[in-house]
Amino acid sequence: MIAVVPGGERWRLIGRTGRGADLLASGPKTDNPASDRPQWQDAMERLRDADGDLLVTSSDDRHYRWVLLDENGRPIADCPPVHRDPVQCRDAFDTARRAADVALADHHHPMADIEELGGHDHPMADATTG
């Protein structure tokens, strides 16, 4: 299942499995009073389209995270530093892109089947975050 959680100052893109839930991506809410669209939708479209600069960074404990930056260097979306290497991190970005596509395609019904992302065999299905 894929869910968009728009609460607080950040939206979250969650992948749920029978074993838990994974934070696939999150990002700051954008303030666009002229739009009647949900605040997360513009960022989700940019994530889906990889419309920005992808930056992969390592934390002090050698875990990697990705950040998608806009043309001004501001974050559009990111993930927590949970990936063990840069390749796995880039794969997680691709997973988040596919999840964003599913969420946008079905945003009137924000829950979608995780089989769209490769199901329980996908690496993100193993790392539960809550």
Protein backbone atom coordinates (compact mmCIF):
# COMPACT_ATOMS: atom_id res chain seq x y z
CA MET A 1 0.00 0.00 0.00
CA ILE A 2 1.15 3.54 -0.71
CA ALA A 3 -0.06 6.47 1.36
CA VAL A 4 0.55 10.20 1.28
CA VAL A 5 0.44 11.71 4.77
CA PRO A 6 0.11 15.49 4.45
CA GLY A 7 0.31 16.39 8.18
CA GLY A 8 2.55 18.90 9.93
CA GLU A 9 5.18 20.95 8.13
CA ARG A 10 6.19 18.02 5.90
CA TRP A 11 4.32 15.59 3.71
CA ARG A 12 5.36 11.93 3.82
CA LEU A 13 5.16 9.17 1.23
CA ILE A 14 4.73 5.86 3.05
CA GLY A 15 4.99 2.33 1.70
CA ARG A 16 3.13 -0.18 3.88
CA THR A 17 3.66 -3.91 3.88
CA GLY A 18 2.40 -6.74 6.06
CA ARG A 19 5.54 -6.28 8.15
CA GLY A 20 5.36 -2.54 8.79
CA ALA A 21 5.70 0.80 7.07
CA ASP A 22 8.61 2.46 5.27
CA LEU A 23 9.17 6.16 4.83
CA LEU A 24 9.96 6.33 1.11
CA ALA A 25 10.19 10.12 0.86
CA SER A 26 9.17 13.31 2.59
CA GLY A 27 9.38 16.98 1.86
CA PRO A 28 8.45 20.44 3.03
CA LYS A 29 4.99 21.71 2.35
CA THR A 30 4.89 24.43 -0.27
CA ASP A 31 2.84 27.56 0.19
CA ASN A 32 0.88 28.26 -2.96
CA PRO A 33 -2.34 30.06 -1.98
CA ALA A 34 -3.32 30.45 -5.65
CA SER A 35 -3.63 26.69 -6.05
CA ASP A 36 -6.50 24.52 -4.89
CA ARG A 37 -4.35 21.38 -5.23
CA PRO A 38 -3.04 19.54 -2.17
CA GLN A 39 0.26 21.07 -1.01
CA TRP A 40 2.18 17.83 -1.54
CA GLN A 41 1.05 17.33 -5.13
CA ASP A 42 3.55 19.65 -6.87
CA ALA A 43 6.49 18.09 -5.02
CA MET A 44 5.17 14.60 -5.72
CA GLU A 45 4.98 15.37 -9.44
CA ARG A 46 8.56 16.64 -9.42
CA LEU A 47 9.68 13.53 -7.52
CA ARG A 48 7.86 11.26 -9.99
CA ASP A 49 9.52 13.06 -12.91
CA ALA A 50 12.94 13.38 -11.21
CA ASP A 51 12.55 17.09 -11.94
CA GLY A 52 15.50 18.46 -10.01
CA ASP A 53 19.07 17.69 -9.02
CA LEU A 54 19.58 14.41 -7.17
CA LEU A 55 22.15 14.56 -4.39
CA VAL A 56 23.27 11.41 -2.53
CA THR A 57 25.06 12.06 0.75
CA SER A 58 26.58 9.95 3.51
CA SER A 59 26.03 10.48 7.23
CA ASP A 60 28.74 10.11 9.88
CA ASP A 61 27.67 6.49 10.45
CA ARG A 62 28.06 5.73 6.72
CA HIS A 63 24.39 5.54 5.87
CA TYR A 64 23.23 7.22 2.69
CA ARG A 65 20.27 9.42 1.86
CA TRP A 66 19.04 11.12 -1.26
CA VAL A 67 17.74 14.66 -1.64
CA LEU A 68 16.02 16.03 -4.73
CA LEU A 69 16.78 19.76 -5.03
CA ASP A 70 14.97 22.42 -7.01
CA GLU A 71 16.68 24.96 -9.28
CA ASN A 72 17.41 27.17 -6.25
CA GLY A 73 18.96 24.39 -4.18
CA ARG A 74 15.91 23.94 -1.95
CA PRO A 75 14.77 20.40 -1.10
CA ILE A 76 11.78 19.09 -3.00
CA ALA A 77 11.89 15.65 -1.38
CA ASP A 78 14.31 13.50 0.56
CA CYS A 79 14.65 10.22 2.42
CA PRO A 80 16.10 9.32 5.81
CA PRO A 81 19.77 8.19 5.97
CA VAL A 82 19.08 4.44 6.15
CA HIS A 83 20.72 3.06 3.01
CA ARG A 84 23.96 1.09 3.29
CA ASP A 85 25.52 2.22 0.01
CA PRO A 86 24.98 4.79 -2.76
CA VAL A 87 23.58 2.19 -5.20
CA GLN A 88 20.90 1.09 -2.74
CA CYS A 89 20.16 4.76 -2.08
CA ARG A 90 19.65 5.50 -5.79
CA ASP A 91 17.45 2.39 -6.04
CA ALA A 92 15.39 3.78 -3.16
CA PHE A 93 15.01 7.04 -5.09
CA ASP A 94 13.65 5.06 -8.05
CA THR A 95 11.24 3.29 -5.69
CA ALA A 96 10.07 6.64 -4.34
CA ARG A 97 9.55 7.88 -7.90
CA ARG A 98 7.36 4.87 -8.72
CA ALA A 99 5.46 5.32 -5.44
CA ALA A 100 4.87 8.99 -6.28
CA ASP A 101 3.48 7.94 -9.64
CA VAL A 102 1.08 5.50 -7.94
CA ALA A 103 0.04 8.10 -5.36
CA LEU A 104 -0.61 10.73 -8.02
CA ALA A 105 -2.52 8.34 -10.26
CA ASP A 106 -4.82 7.44 -7.40
CA HIS A 107 -4.76 10.59 -5.24
CA HIS A 108 -8.54 10.52 -4.84
CA HIS A 109 -8.00 7.13 -3.20
CA PRO A 110 -4.60 7.61 -1.49
CA MET A 111 -3.99 3.92 -0.77
CA ALA A 112 -2.49 1.86 -3.59
CA ASP A 113 -1.10 -1.64 -3.84
CA ILE A 114 2.64 -1.96 -3.08
CA GLU A 115 2.86 -4.59 -5.82
CA GLU A 116 3.32 -1.57 -8.10
CA LEU A 117 6.71 -1.14 -6.42
CA GLY A 118 7.87 -4.74 -6.56
CA GLY A 119 5.93 -6.09 -3.57
CA HIS A 120 7.50 -7.73 -0.56
CA ASP A 121 10.63 -8.71 -2.51
CA HIS A 122 11.64 -5.07 -2.88
CA PRO A 123 14.53 -3.96 -0.60
CA MET A 124 12.40 -1.20 0.93
CA ALA A 125 9.90 -3.82 2.15
CA ASP A 126 12.53 -5.12 4.59
CA ALA A 127 13.46 -1.93 6.45
CA THR A 128 10.44 -1.07 8.56
CA THR A 129 10.28 2.33 10.18
CA GLY A 130 7.09 2.04 12.17
